[in-house]
Amino acid sequence: MIPTEIRDLHRSIGALRHHMTTLQTQYGDVDAVRRMSNDLDRLEIDLHDFEHAPPPLLQAKLGRDQVIYVPDSKSDESAWLGAQDEGLGFHSRERTK
């Protein structure tokens, strides 16, 4: 994640913290407010953990210039022996070669 996104997340969490304080002032220590506050604490902890030990980046998806070749040759039929043909309308039919 780029630093701008991290900064924006911190800013959003700060805004949420401000609104949580308002809710706590208006409604007191009720279960719903306590749970939301707990969720916000967890979000802060997770963001901190992410900043200090980010997971590896995902590899880029294949572009149009990167082609995966799939051969047209006949595949090994033995891999399909005993497989069910569910959804094709002909269960337990004899296999033909």
Protein backbone atom coordinates (compact mmCIF):
# COMPACT_ATOMS: atom_id res chain seq x y z
CA MET A 1 0.00 0.00 0.00
CA ILE A 2 1.37 3.37 -0.88
CA PRO A 3 1.99 5.92 1.89
CA THR A 4 -0.92 8.10 0.71
CA GLU A 5 -3.37 5.27 1.26
CA ILE A 6 -1.95 4.55 4.72
CA ARG A 7 -2.23 8.22 5.63
CA ASP A 8 -5.83 8.31 4.38
CA LEU A 9 -6.67 5.25 6.46
CA HIS A 10 -5.20 6.88 9.57
CA ARG A 11 -7.20 10.02 8.86
CA SER A 12 -10.41 7.99 8.41
CA ILE A 13 -9.81 6.09 11.63
CA GLY A 14 -9.27 9.43 13.40
CA ALA A 15 -12.59 10.71 12.05
CA LEU A 16 -14.33 7.51 13.16
CA ARG A 17 -12.74 7.85 16.60
CA HIS A 18 -14.17 11.39 16.84
CA HIS A 19 -17.66 10.15 15.93
CA MET A 20 -17.37 7.26 18.39
CA THR A 21 -16.60 9.74 21.16
CA THR A 22 -19.76 11.66 20.21
CA LEU A 23 -21.82 8.45 20.33
CA GLN A 24 -20.36 7.51 23.71
CA THR A 25 -21.23 10.97 25.04
CA GLN A 26 -24.81 10.74 23.77
CA TYR A 27 -25.60 7.08 24.51
CA GLY A 28 -23.16 6.11 27.22
CA ASP A 29 -21.64 2.66 27.63
CA VAL A 30 -24.28 0.60 25.77
CA ASP A 31 -23.43 -2.69 24.09
CA ALA A 32 -23.67 -1.42 20.51
CA VAL A 33 -21.36 1.54 21.14
CA ARG A 34 -18.91 -0.67 23.01
CA ARG A 35 -18.82 -3.17 20.13
CA MET A 36 -18.23 -0.43 17.55
CA SER A 37 -15.47 1.01 19.69
CA ASN A 38 -13.93 -2.43 19.98
CA ASP A 39 -14.12 -2.86 16.19
CA LEU A 40 -12.41 0.49 15.72
CA ASP A 41 -9.65 -0.52 18.16
CA ARG A 42 -9.17 -3.73 16.18
CA LEU A 43 -8.98 -1.76 12.93
CA GLU A 44 -6.23 0.44 14.38
CA ILE A 45 -4.29 -2.60 15.57
CA ASP A 46 -4.62 -4.30 12.18
CA LEU A 47 -3.47 -1.19 10.32
CA HIS A 48 -0.47 -0.89 12.65
CA ASP A 49 0.41 -4.56 12.08
CA PHE A 50 0.01 -4.12 8.32
CA GLU A 51 2.33 -1.09 8.30
CA HIS A 52 5.08 -2.86 10.22
CA ALA A 53 4.84 -6.25 8.47
CA PRO A 54 3.06 -5.87 5.13
CA PRO A 55 2.11 -9.07 3.30
CA PRO A 56 3.77 -9.81 -0.04
CA LEU A 57 2.29 -8.06 -3.05
CA LEU A 58 0.11 -10.07 -5.39
CA GLN A 59 1.67 -10.91 -8.71
CA ALA A 60 0.37 -8.96 -11.64
CA LYS A 61 -2.35 -10.56 -13.73
CA LEU A 62 -1.48 -11.82 -17.17
CA GLY A 63 -1.66 -9.16 -19.84
CA ARG A 64 -2.81 -9.63 -23.39
CA ASP A 65 0.79 -10.09 -24.50
CA GLN A 66 1.31 -12.99 -22.08
CA VAL A 67 -0.40 -16.04 -23.57
CA ILE A 68 -0.72 -19.42 -21.91
CA TYR A 69 -0.60 -22.19 -24.47
CA VAL A 70 -3.20 -24.96 -24.10
CA PRO A 71 -2.48 -27.86 -26.47
CA ASP A 72 -5.21 -29.24 -28.74
CA SER A 73 -3.91 -32.77 -28.41
CA LYS A 74 -6.16 -35.39 -26.83
CA SER A 75 -5.83 -35.55 -23.04
CA ASP A 76 -5.40 -38.70 -21.01
CA GLU A 77 -8.90 -40.25 -20.80
CA SER A 78 -7.93 -42.36 -17.78
CA ALA A 79 -8.00 -39.23 -15.64
CA TRP A 80 -11.77 -39.08 -16.16
CA LEU A 81 -12.67 -42.75 -15.63
CA GLY A 82 -15.18 -43.11 -12.82
CA ALA A 83 -16.08 -39.42 -12.84
CA GLN A 84 -19.74 -38.54 -12.58
CA ASP A 85 -21.49 -36.79 -15.45
CA GLU A 86 -23.85 -34.89 -13.17
CA GLY A 87 -25.62 -32.04 -14.81
CA LEU A 88 -25.08 -33.40 -18.31
CA GLY A 89 -28.25 -35.50 -18.36
CA PHE A 90 -26.73 -38.95 -18.76
CA HIS A 91 -25.59 -40.36 -15.40
CA SER A 92 -23.71 -43.61 -15.22
CA ARG A 93 -23.52 -44.08 -18.97
CA GLU A 94 -20.95 -46.32 -20.56
CA ARG A 95 -17.76 -44.50 -21.36
CA THR A 96 -16.92 -44.44 -25.04
CA LYS A 97 -13.47 -44.12 -26.47
